[in-house]
Protein backbone atom coordinates (compact mmCIF):
# COMPACT_ATOMS: atom_id res chain seq x y z
CA MET A 1 47.97 49.03 -105.09
CA SER A 2 51.65 47.83 -103.53
CA GLU A 3 52.51 44.60 -104.15
CA LYS A 4 51.94 42.15 -101.76
CA ILE A 5 55.42 40.87 -99.90
CA ARG A 6 55.81 36.85 -99.70
CA LYS A 7 56.63 35.52 -96.42
CA VAL A 8 59.56 32.76 -96.15
CA TYR A 9 59.46 31.92 -92.29
CA ILE A 10 62.99 29.90 -91.66
CA ASP A 11 62.95 30.28 -87.94
CA TYR A 12 61.66 26.54 -87.18
CA ASN A 13 64.57 26.24 -84.32
CA ALA A 14 63.06 29.30 -82.47
CA THR A 15 59.47 27.81 -82.36
CA THR A 16 57.50 25.39 -84.81
CA PRO A 17 53.81 26.84 -86.29
CA LEU A 18 51.35 24.35 -84.87
CA SER A 19 50.46 21.25 -87.70
CA THR A 20 47.70 20.99 -88.97
CA GLU A 21 46.68 17.71 -87.35
CA VAL A 22 47.98 19.02 -84.09
CA ARG A 23 45.33 22.02 -83.81
CA ALA A 24 42.70 20.13 -84.53
CA SER A 25 43.44 17.50 -81.59
CA MET A 26 43.64 20.23 -79.44
CA ILE A 27 39.98 21.59 -81.05
CA GLU A 28 38.45 18.42 -80.22
CA ASP A 29 40.28 17.73 -76.88
CA MET A 30 38.95 21.25 -75.42
CA ASP A 31 35.84 19.66 -74.76
CA ILE A 32 37.73 17.38 -72.06
CA TYR A 33 37.75 19.66 -69.49
CA GLY A 34 37.47 17.51 -66.41
CA ASN A 35 40.75 18.00 -63.76
CA ALA A 36 42.78 15.44 -64.60
CA SER A 37 43.67 14.54 -60.78
CA SER A 38 39.92 14.05 -59.77
CA MET A 39 38.41 10.29 -59.60
CA HIS A 40 35.05 11.11 -61.25
CA ALA A 41 34.34 10.46 -65.21
CA SER A 42 35.34 13.66 -66.54
CA GLY A 43 38.81 13.62 -64.19
CA ARG A 44 39.07 9.92 -65.28
CA LEU A 45 38.62 10.98 -69.12
CA ALA A 46 41.20 13.94 -69.00
CA ARG A 47 43.57 11.44 -66.87
CA ASN A 48 43.39 8.76 -69.82
CA ARG A 49 43.96 11.27 -72.72
CA VAL A 50 47.12 12.90 -70.34
CA GLU A 51 48.27 9.31 -70.12
CA LYS A 52 48.13 8.69 -73.97
CA ALA A 53 50.06 11.57 -74.64
CA ARG A 54 52.71 10.61 -72.03
CA ASN A 55 52.71 7.45 -74.14
CA ALA A 56 53.35 8.79 -77.02
CA VAL A 57 56.05 11.30 -76.06
CA ALA A 58 57.87 7.95 -74.35
CA ALA A 59 57.94 6.52 -77.50
CA LEU A 60 59.52 9.25 -79.33
CA ILE A 61 62.74 8.66 -77.41
CA GLY A 62 62.57 5.15 -76.66
CA ALA A 63 61.38 5.44 -73.51
CA SER A 64 59.13 3.79 -70.71
CA SER A 65 56.22 6.30 -70.11
CA ASP A 66 56.57 6.25 -66.08
CA SER A 67 60.05 7.99 -66.80
CA ILE A 68 58.19 11.35 -68.63
CA ILE A 69 57.05 14.15 -66.24
CA PHE A 70 55.53 16.84 -67.81
CA THR A 71 57.08 20.57 -67.53
CA SER A 72 56.10 23.72 -68.51
CA GLY A 73 59.08 23.64 -71.25
CA GLY A 74 62.70 22.55 -71.79
CA SER A 75 63.64 25.53 -69.31
CA GLU A 76 62.02 24.28 -66.32
CA SER A 77 62.91 20.57 -67.26
CA ASN A 78 66.86 21.77 -67.05
CA ASN A 79 66.26 24.08 -64.18
CA THR A 80 64.61 20.85 -62.23
CA VAL A 81 67.93 18.74 -63.12
CA PHE A 82 70.45 21.44 -61.88
CA ILE A 83 68.41 21.89 -58.78
CA THR A 84 68.15 18.41 -58.06
CA MET A 85 71.83 18.28 -58.47
CA ARG A 86 72.39 21.17 -56.00
CA ARG A 87 70.47 19.64 -53.27
CA LEU A 88 72.69 16.55 -53.65
CA ALA A 89 75.68 18.52 -53.79
CA GLU A 90 74.87 19.74 -50.78
CA ASN A 91 74.26 16.65 -48.94
CA ASN A 92 76.66 14.31 -50.57
CA SER A 93 78.97 12.51 -48.62
CA GLU A 94 81.35 11.34 -51.16
CA GLY A 95 82.52 14.63 -51.78
CA ARG A 96 81.04 14.85 -55.32
CA ASN A 97 80.09 18.78 -56.17
CA GLU A 98 81.39 19.07 -59.46
CA PHE A 99 79.63 19.98 -62.32
CA VAL A 100 80.57 20.04 -66.27
CA ILE A 101 78.89 21.52 -68.68
CA THR A 102 79.98 22.90 -72.39
CA ALA A 103 80.73 26.32 -73.90
CA ILE A 104 77.74 26.37 -76.24
CA GLU A 105 74.94 25.07 -74.02
CA HIS A 106 71.72 26.97 -74.33
CA PRO A 107 71.43 29.96 -71.90
CA CYS A 108 68.88 28.00 -69.83
CA VAL A 109 71.53 25.35 -69.12
CA MET A 110 74.16 27.94 -68.90
CA ASN A 111 72.93 30.06 -66.58
CA SER A 112 71.72 27.33 -64.19
CA ALA A 113 75.34 26.35 -64.12
CA LEU A 114 76.73 29.54 -63.56
CA ASP A 115 73.81 30.23 -60.44
CA ILE A 116 75.08 26.78 -59.24
CA GLU A 117 78.91 28.20 -59.42
CA LYS A 118 77.59 31.39 -57.37
CA SER A 119 76.44 28.97 -54.41
CA GLY A 120 79.87 27.80 -54.22
CA LEU A 121 80.15 24.20 -56.07
CA LYS A 122 82.77 23.70 -58.96
CA LEU A 123 81.78 24.44 -62.42
CA LYS A 124 83.99 23.23 -65.26
CA ILE A 125 83.03 24.62 -68.56
CA LEU A 126 84.33 22.70 -71.76
CA PRO A 127 85.99 23.90 -74.83
CA VAL A 128 84.86 23.48 -78.43
CA ASP A 129 86.43 22.88 -81.55
CA GLU A 130 86.43 24.97 -84.56
CA TYR A 131 83.16 23.11 -85.72
CA GLY A 132 81.57 23.12 -82.14
CA LYS A 133 82.31 19.34 -81.21
CA LEU A 134 83.38 19.17 -77.56
CA ASN A 135 87.04 18.47 -77.18
CA MET A 136 87.06 14.95 -76.01
CA GLU A 137 90.59 15.35 -74.66
CA GLU A 138 89.77 18.14 -72.23
CA TYR A 139 86.60 16.23 -71.34
CA ASN A 140 88.24 12.98 -69.99
CA LYS A 141 91.00 15.44 -68.26
CA VAL A 142 88.06 16.77 -65.95
CA LEU A 143 86.50 13.50 -65.32
CA ASN A 144 87.12 12.73 -61.79
CA LYS A 145 85.56 11.15 -58.35
CA LYS A 146 83.80 14.59 -57.85
CA THR A 147 82.46 14.93 -60.97
CA LEU A 148 78.70 14.67 -59.64
CA LEU A 149 76.74 16.02 -63.48
CA VAL A 150 77.52 16.33 -67.13
CA SER A 151 75.02 18.23 -68.88
CA VAL A 152 75.84 17.92 -72.83
CA MET A 153 73.39 19.02 -75.41
CA ALA A 154 72.56 16.82 -77.87
CA ALA A 155 72.19 19.21 -80.70
CA ASN A 156 73.34 22.71 -81.09
CA ASN A 157 70.04 25.04 -81.63
CA GLU A 158 72.47 28.11 -83.43
CA ILE A 159 75.03 25.95 -85.52
CA GLY A 160 72.96 22.54 -85.61
CA VAL A 161 76.04 20.44 -84.46
CA VAL A 162 75.10 16.85 -83.21
CA GLN A 163 77.12 15.62 -80.24
CA ASP A 164 77.84 11.96 -79.57
CA ILE A 165 75.91 11.52 -76.80
CA LYS A 166 76.09 8.22 -76.07
CA LYS A 167 79.96 8.14 -76.03
CA ILE A 168 80.07 11.42 -73.98
CA ALA A 169 77.22 9.47 -71.65
CA CYS A 170 79.38 6.48 -71.32
CA LEU A 171 82.30 8.10 -69.92
CA ALA A 172 80.09 10.09 -67.67
CA LYS A 173 78.73 6.82 -66.11
CA GLU A 174 82.09 5.26 -66.06
CA ALA A 175 83.63 8.22 -63.81
CA GLY A 176 80.33 7.66 -61.73
CA ALA A 177 78.51 10.76 -62.40
CA PHE A 178 74.87 11.52 -63.65
CA PHE A 179 74.25 13.14 -67.36
CA HIS A 180 71.81 15.28 -68.52
CA THR A 181 71.43 16.54 -72.10
CA ASP A 182 68.80 19.05 -73.30
CA ALA A 183 67.46 17.44 -76.54
CA VAL A 184 65.29 19.83 -77.44
CA GLN A 185 66.25 20.79 -80.70
CA ALA A 186 67.05 17.17 -81.67
CA THR A 187 63.96 15.56 -81.04
CA GLY A 188 61.77 14.95 -83.94
CA LYS A 189 65.15 15.39 -86.29
CA ILE A 190 67.00 13.09 -85.69
CA PRO A 191 67.05 9.40 -83.53
CA VAL A 192 66.65 10.03 -80.13
CA ASN A 193 66.33 6.77 -77.92
CA VAL A 194 67.28 7.12 -74.01
CA GLU A 195 68.33 3.76 -73.78
CA ASP A 196 71.05 3.64 -76.58
CA TRP A 197 72.39 6.78 -75.29
CA GLY A 198 72.71 5.69 -71.51
CA VAL A 199 71.66 9.07 -70.05
CA ASP A 200 69.91 9.69 -66.73
CA TYR A 201 67.94 12.74 -67.80
CA LEU A 202 66.91 14.30 -71.16
CA THR A 203 64.76 17.51 -71.72
CA LEU A 204 62.28 17.79 -74.37
CA SER A 205 59.70 20.43 -75.76
CA ALA A 206 56.56 20.67 -77.78
CA HIS A 207 56.91 23.30 -79.50
CA LYS A 208 59.89 22.69 -81.44
CA ILE A 209 58.18 19.49 -82.87
CA TYR A 210 54.82 21.84 -83.88
CA GLY A 211 53.17 21.10 -80.97
CA PRO A 212 51.74 23.93 -78.61
CA LYS A 213 53.93 26.60 -76.25
CA GLY A 214 54.62 25.95 -72.78
CA VAL A 215 54.66 21.96 -72.33
CA GLY A 216 57.91 20.13 -72.21
CA ALA A 217 59.28 16.90 -70.69
CA LEU A 218 61.45 15.53 -68.27
CA TYR A 219 63.06 12.16 -69.24
CA VAL A 220 64.26 10.55 -65.53
CA ARG A 221 66.11 7.35 -65.73
CA LYS A 222 64.75 4.89 -63.49
CA ASP A 223 66.32 5.18 -59.59
CA ALA A 224 67.69 8.13 -60.90
CA PRO A 225 67.60 11.20 -58.27
CA ILE A 226 64.38 13.97 -59.01
CA PHE A 227 63.61 16.95 -56.35
CA PRO A 228 60.87 19.24 -57.39
CA LEU A 229 61.16 22.66 -59.00
CA ILE A 230 57.65 23.42 -58.01
CA HIS A 231 56.27 22.15 -54.60
CA GLY A 232 52.12 21.65 -54.18
CA GLY A 233 50.05 18.72 -54.96
CA HIS A 234 50.80 15.02 -55.96
CA GLN A 235 50.74 15.55 -60.06
CA GLU A 236 53.55 13.40 -61.82
CA ASP A 237 53.92 11.31 -58.72
CA GLY A 238 54.99 14.38 -56.52
CA HIS A 239 57.57 15.65 -59.04
CA ARG A 240 55.98 18.77 -60.32
CA ALA A 241 52.81 20.04 -58.45
CA GLY A 242 50.45 22.18 -60.49
CA THR A 243 47.03 21.29 -62.32
CA TYR A 244 47.51 19.58 -65.45
CA ASN A 245 47.59 21.48 -68.86
CA ASN A 246 45.50 19.30 -70.30
CA ILE A 247 45.44 20.68 -73.71
CA GLY A 248 49.12 21.14 -74.18
CA ILE A 249 49.82 17.81 -72.98
CA LEU A 250 47.70 16.59 -75.39
CA GLY A 251 48.65 18.30 -78.61
CA PHE A 252 52.24 17.52 -76.88
CA GLY A 253 51.54 13.93 -77.48
CA LYS A 254 49.83 14.22 -81.08
CA ALA A 255 53.21 16.11 -81.89
CA ALA A 256 55.04 13.15 -80.77
CA GLU A 257 53.18 10.80 -82.09
CA LEU A 258 53.26 12.32 -85.51
CA ALA A 259 57.26 13.17 -85.33
CA ALA A 260 58.05 9.63 -84.75
CA SER A 261 56.14 8.76 -87.63
CA ALA A 262 57.71 10.90 -90.37
CA ILE A 263 61.55 11.42 -89.02
CA ASP A 264 63.11 9.45 -91.84
CA LYS A 265 60.68 11.68 -94.36
CA TYR A 266 61.70 14.68 -92.33
CA ARG A 267 65.39 14.24 -92.43
CA GLU A 268 65.69 13.65 -96.26
CA THR A 269 63.13 16.30 -97.33
CA ILE A 270 64.65 19.06 -94.94
CA SER A 271 68.36 18.17 -95.20
CA SER A 272 68.06 18.67 -99.14
CA LEU A 273 66.25 21.92 -99.02
CA ARG A 274 69.20 22.99 -96.29
CA ASN A 275 71.74 21.74 -98.78
CA ARG A 276 69.96 23.69 -102.03
CA LEU A 277 70.11 27.03 -99.39
CA ARG A 278 73.62 26.18 -98.79
CA VAL A 279 75.06 25.41 -102.25
CA GLY A 280 73.07 28.73 -103.07
CA LEU A 281 74.34 30.98 -100.88
CA LEU A 282 78.08 29.84 -101.38
CA GLU A 283 77.53 30.31 -105.76
CA LYS A 284 75.90 33.56 -105.21
CA ILE A 285 77.72 35.71 -102.10
CA PRO A 286 81.48 35.68 -102.14
CA ASN A 287 83.23 35.55 -99.32
CA ILE A 288 80.73 33.80 -96.56
CA LYS A 289 81.77 31.47 -94.02
CA VAL A 290 79.11 28.44 -93.08
CA ASN A 291 79.82 27.65 -89.28
CA GLY A 292 78.96 24.52 -87.44
CA HIS A 293 79.93 20.76 -88.44
CA GLN A 294 79.19 19.58 -92.10
CA LYS A 295 78.40 16.16 -91.47
CA ASP A 296 77.43 15.87 -87.58
CA THR A 297 74.36 18.21 -87.70
CA LEU A 298 70.94 19.00 -87.81
CA PRO A 299 69.10 18.12 -90.95
CA ASN A 300 67.42 21.98 -90.80
CA THR A 301 70.20 23.92 -89.30
CA LEU A 302 72.28 26.40 -91.58
CA ASN A 303 74.32 28.78 -90.03
CA ILE A 304 76.25 31.54 -92.18
CA SER A 305 78.56 34.48 -91.11
CA PHE A 306 78.41 37.63 -94.03
CA PRO A 307 81.90 39.28 -93.26
CA GLY A 308 81.78 43.16 -93.73
CA ALA A 309 77.68 43.06 -93.05
CA GLU A 310 76.14 43.63 -90.02
CA GLY A 311 73.85 40.62 -88.61
CA GLU A 312 70.74 43.04 -87.20
CA SER A 313 71.03 44.73 -90.54
CA ILE A 314 70.77 41.58 -92.49
CA LEU A 315 67.82 40.27 -90.66
CA LEU A 316 65.82 43.75 -90.90
CA SER A 317 66.52 43.90 -94.58
CA MET A 318 65.47 40.66 -95.16
CA ASP A 319 62.48 40.96 -92.83
CA MET A 320 61.22 44.10 -95.22
CA GLN A 321 61.15 41.09 -98.01
CA GLY A 322 59.67 38.39 -95.94
CA ILE A 323 62.37 36.53 -94.59
CA GLU A 324 62.14 35.43 -91.32
CA ALA A 325 64.83 34.30 -89.90
CA SER A 326 67.24 34.96 -87.07
CA THR A 327 70.85 36.03 -85.67
CA GLY A 328 70.77 33.44 -83.48
CA SER A 329 69.16 31.95 -80.28
CA ALA A 330 65.76 33.53 -79.58
CA CYS A 331 66.18 33.41 -75.51
CA ALA A 332 69.12 35.56 -76.69
CA SER A 333 66.95 37.77 -78.84
CA GLY A 334 67.32 41.69 -77.20
CA SER A 335 71.19 41.00 -76.36
CA LEU A 336 73.84 43.25 -78.25
CA GLU A 337 76.79 40.54 -77.14
CA PRO A 338 77.58 38.36 -79.64
CA SER A 339 76.57 34.65 -80.01
CA HIS A 340 78.49 33.00 -77.14
CA VAL A 341 78.54 29.77 -79.41
CA LEU A 342 80.14 30.91 -82.22
CA MET A 343 82.75 32.84 -79.85
CA ALA A 344 83.37 29.48 -78.37
CA THR A 345 84.09 28.10 -82.00
CA GLY A 346 86.77 31.00 -82.33
CA LEU A 347 85.24 33.20 -84.63
CA SER A 348 85.87 36.80 -83.54
CA PRO A 349 82.84 39.22 -82.35
CA GLU A 350 83.05 41.34 -85.72
CA LEU A 351 82.25 37.85 -87.60
CA ALA A 352 79.84 36.46 -84.98
CA HIS A 353 77.90 39.92 -85.26
CA SER A 354 77.63 38.89 -89.00
CA SER A 355 76.27 35.84 -88.74
CA ILE A 356 72.80 34.48 -89.54
CA ARG A 357 70.88 31.43 -88.31
CA PHE A 358 68.26 29.54 -91.12
CA SER A 359 66.56 26.55 -89.73
CA LEU A 360 64.05 25.27 -91.89
CA GLY A 361 61.30 23.05 -91.34
CA TRP A 362 57.82 21.40 -92.90
CA GLY A 363 56.58 23.82 -94.48
CA ILE A 364 59.42 25.16 -96.45
CA THR A 365 59.52 24.60 -100.19
CA GLU A 366 62.14 24.69 -102.90
CA SER A 367 60.46 27.60 -104.35
CA ASP A 368 61.09 29.48 -101.22
CA ILE A 369 64.74 28.88 -100.84
CA ASP A 370 64.66 29.65 -104.36
CA TYR A 371 63.56 33.00 -103.01
CA ILE A 372 65.99 33.71 -100.72
CA ILE A 373 68.91 32.88 -102.77
CA GLU A 374 67.57 35.60 -104.97
CA THR A 375 66.75 37.68 -102.33
CA LEU A 376 69.89 37.76 -100.00
CA PRO A 377 72.67 38.29 -102.36
CA PRO A 378 71.70 42.12 -103.38
CA ILE A 379 70.76 42.57 -99.34
CA ILE A 380 74.26 41.65 -98.67
CA ALA A 381 76.19 43.69 -101.10
CA ARG A 382 74.23 46.70 -100.17
CA LEU A 383 75.05 46.56 -96.41
CA ARG A 384 78.60 45.70 -97.43
CA ALA A 385 78.78 49.05 -99.82
CA MET A 386 77.52 50.86 -96.66
CA SER A 387 79.76 49.18 -94.37
CA THR A 388 82.84 50.14 -92.55
CA LEU A 389 83.29 46.30 -91.27
CA SER A 390 86.55 45.07 -92.61
CA MET A 391 85.75 41.42 -95.06
């Protein structure tokens, strides 16, 4: 009999497994079948559970529950903000029609912004430094009386760099612009507080915090404009039509509750494991480059370039040994283009193509980390020996 290959899942930025507690909660709530928009007892019971979940999600980001709109996920939330801003720009008597984003935004923000530009509105894509931090000098230069929206992600999904959202949002507000942050990767990993940050809009998603896929939320500051992306019924105070995804929302609420209670333990535990992996690979594999900021970074994310070895080959070789990682954003898988995030930090296309993202989470052990440190060096050595790529 062949020996069973060990499995180490280390792609938590792509998605997280359902936590045991969330799974149990969702199974229990399957019996709550009423439509949360109905007025009878079953409907009221369902609605009460939805509102309990809304309270938990709001608490996770320091918001009031009436500022939370449930959506199908991060992409819908981000698109809702950009559609809202497009409608405002088209009818803005003050001439505010300029949008500002960074060069390392998630594809759903980047493509929403590019679509805005195609409609005739102005888009400014700001550079980042070699660590992925926003170039503040360039940022200050572009803000003006025509700036309508600034959208900067709180933490990057590929390299983990964390931006100073409080400062960036403050400057946007001083210029009279609205501010949005995609906090899908940040929420549950680092402290997120919408009041402290001073944002108008914030995006989050359940499946990044051990909740179900297909459900997310958009925080909208009181009195900030919002137009529905999906028209129909009166759900979410008319901001997002469609029958409530009861089970998904209830799972999201439970996941938010658990994330809020464990955030300090998460940061301590996961960052220790991430550092163990970083040090181990630097010791065992020569000539590698750690990408991203070494201080202002998510506790779970490690992006490394392995010159002389092609990223897809590394990924497939690791997968054969049971190690499941990523070459970058899951939303960009299937693309042959090098990571736009790594390119924005100044990496060459060749070096960007040689990069692997390790993203850790609950369930990863020291033994798993040591298995990666033991398994990866011979893979890199073999691929480098076969490669025509330069080191």
